[in-house]
Amino acid sequence: MLTTYRFDHPETDASKTLDVRAYIYASLFGPVYVLANGFPVLALQMVLISAVIFIGAFIGFGFVDWFLGSELITIIALIGVPIAALGAQGIAAIELVRRGYLRSGWREGY
């Protein structure tokens, strides 16, 4: 599920790796992580994506709480929805950083 990406710069022989640690940082910091990788325009896009994820998580939790109404399910949703939202944010941020590297001329390695 969490794919590891490796990028090589054709001119400088520098390399970058997006692995599990990158997913954790991307999940926790979202737009800041994208900006720290040097993609300010994509970081602004990530702000919008993070807002949509937050609103979706908030509405999703409210729907689960209202529709099912069980205390146990509410507790599970209270824990599970933020974890799912953080996971979605991490995947989105890594994908934006990946696109940013490819557009900047980096080659995706194997």
Protein backbone atom coordinates (compact mmCIF):
# COMPACT_ATOMS: atom_id res chain seq x y z
CA MET A 1 0.00 0.00 0.00
CA LEU A 2 2.77 2.46 0.88
CA THR A 3 4.95 2.41 -2.20
CA THR A 4 8.59 3.41 -1.86
CA TYR A 5 9.78 5.83 -4.52
CA ARG A 6 13.38 6.55 -5.43
CA PHE A 7 14.41 9.50 -7.59
CA ASP A 8 17.74 10.23 -9.26
CA HIS A 9 18.77 13.61 -10.61
CA PRO A 10 20.29 13.17 -14.08
CA GLU A 11 22.79 16.02 -13.78
CA THR A 12 24.01 15.89 -10.19
CA ASP A 13 23.65 12.18 -9.40
CA ALA A 14 21.74 13.14 -6.24
CA SER A 15 19.06 10.76 -5.06
CA LYS A 16 15.90 11.07 -2.97
CA THR A 17 13.83 8.31 -1.42
CA LEU A 18 10.21 8.51 -0.33
CA ASP A 19 9.71 5.63 2.08
CA VAL A 20 7.63 4.83 5.16
CA ARG A 21 9.27 7.62 7.16
CA ALA A 22 8.31 10.09 4.42
CA TYR A 23 4.70 8.89 4.63
CA ILE A 24 4.69 9.50 8.39
CA TYR A 25 6.07 13.03 8.00
CA ALA A 26 3.67 13.72 5.13
CA SER A 27 0.74 12.48 7.21
CA LEU A 28 1.61 14.65 10.18
CA PHE A 29 2.72 17.81 8.41
CA GLY A 30 0.96 17.69 5.00
CA PRO A 31 1.52 21.05 3.25
CA VAL A 32 4.63 21.82 5.30
CA TYR A 33 6.17 18.54 4.16
CA VAL A 34 5.48 19.39 0.51
CA LEU A 35 6.94 22.87 1.01
CA ALA A 36 10.01 21.45 2.77
CA ASN A 37 10.70 19.35 -0.33
CA GLY A 38 10.84 22.53 -2.40
CA PHE A 39 7.45 22.72 -4.06
CA PRO A 40 5.64 25.90 -2.91
CA VAL A 41 2.87 25.81 -5.54
CA LEU A 42 2.13 22.17 -4.77
CA ALA A 43 2.14 23.05 -1.06
CA LEU A 44 -0.69 25.51 -1.70
CA GLN A 45 -2.54 22.76 -3.52
CA MET A 46 -1.90 20.48 -0.53
CA VAL A 47 -3.52 23.07 1.77
CA LEU A 48 -6.72 22.72 -0.25
CA ILE A 49 -6.48 18.93 -0.28
CA SER A 50 -5.92 18.88 3.49
CA ALA A 51 -8.96 21.11 4.00
CA VAL A 52 -11.12 18.77 1.91
CA ILE A 53 -9.84 15.76 3.87
CA PHE A 54 -10.55 17.52 7.18
CA ILE A 55 -14.07 18.51 6.13
CA GLY A 56 -14.73 15.01 4.82
CA ALA A 57 -13.50 13.44 8.05
CA PHE A 58 -15.62 15.81 10.14
CA ILE A 59 -18.75 15.14 8.08
CA GLY A 60 -18.00 11.42 7.97
CA PHE A 61 -17.64 11.21 11.74
CA GLY A 62 -20.85 13.19 12.22
CA PHE A 63 -22.70 10.92 9.80
CA VAL A 64 -21.46 7.75 11.51
CA ASP A 65 -22.38 9.14 14.93
CA TRP A 66 -25.82 10.30 13.79
CA PHE A 67 -26.71 7.31 11.63
CA LEU A 68 -25.49 4.48 13.85
CA GLY A 69 -25.78 6.16 17.25
CA SER A 70 -24.02 3.41 19.21
CA GLU A 71 -21.54 4.53 21.85
CA LEU A 72 -19.06 1.81 20.91
CA ILE A 73 -19.18 2.69 17.23
CA THR A 74 -18.83 6.39 18.10
CA ILE A 75 -15.68 5.64 20.09
CA ILE A 76 -14.28 3.50 17.28
CA ALA A 77 -15.11 6.25 14.74
CA LEU A 78 -13.53 8.86 17.02
CA ILE A 79 -10.27 6.92 16.82
CA GLY A 80 -10.52 5.55 13.27
CA VAL A 81 -11.64 8.63 11.33
CA PRO A 82 -8.64 10.83 12.29
CA ILE A 83 -6.25 7.95 11.54
CA ALA A 84 -7.85 7.45 8.12
CA ALA A 85 -7.71 11.22 7.47
CA LEU A 86 -4.02 11.34 8.38
CA GLY A 87 -3.37 8.37 6.10
CA ALA A 88 -5.18 10.05 3.23
CA GLN A 89 -3.22 13.26 3.81
CA GLY A 90 0.06 11.35 3.77
CA ILE A 91 -0.73 9.55 0.54
CA ALA A 92 -1.84 12.80 -1.13
CA ALA A 93 1.27 14.67 0.01
CA ILE A 94 3.62 11.93 -1.19
CA GLU A 95 1.88 11.86 -4.55
CA LEU A 96 2.26 15.64 -4.91
CA VAL A 97 5.95 15.45 -3.98
CA ARG A 98 6.41 12.60 -6.44
CA ARG A 99 4.81 14.65 -9.22
CA GLY A 100 6.94 17.63 -8.23
CA TYR A 101 10.16 15.65 -8.54
CA LEU A 102 9.13 14.21 -11.91
CA ARG A 103 8.22 17.66 -13.25
CA SER A 104 11.55 19.03 -12.00
CA GLY A 105 13.46 16.57 -14.16
CA TRP A 106 14.21 13.87 -11.61
CA ARG A 107 14.02 10.29 -12.87
CA GLU A 108 12.09 7.69 -10.97
CA GLY A 109 14.42 4.81 -10.14
CA TYR A 110 13.77 1.20 -9.32
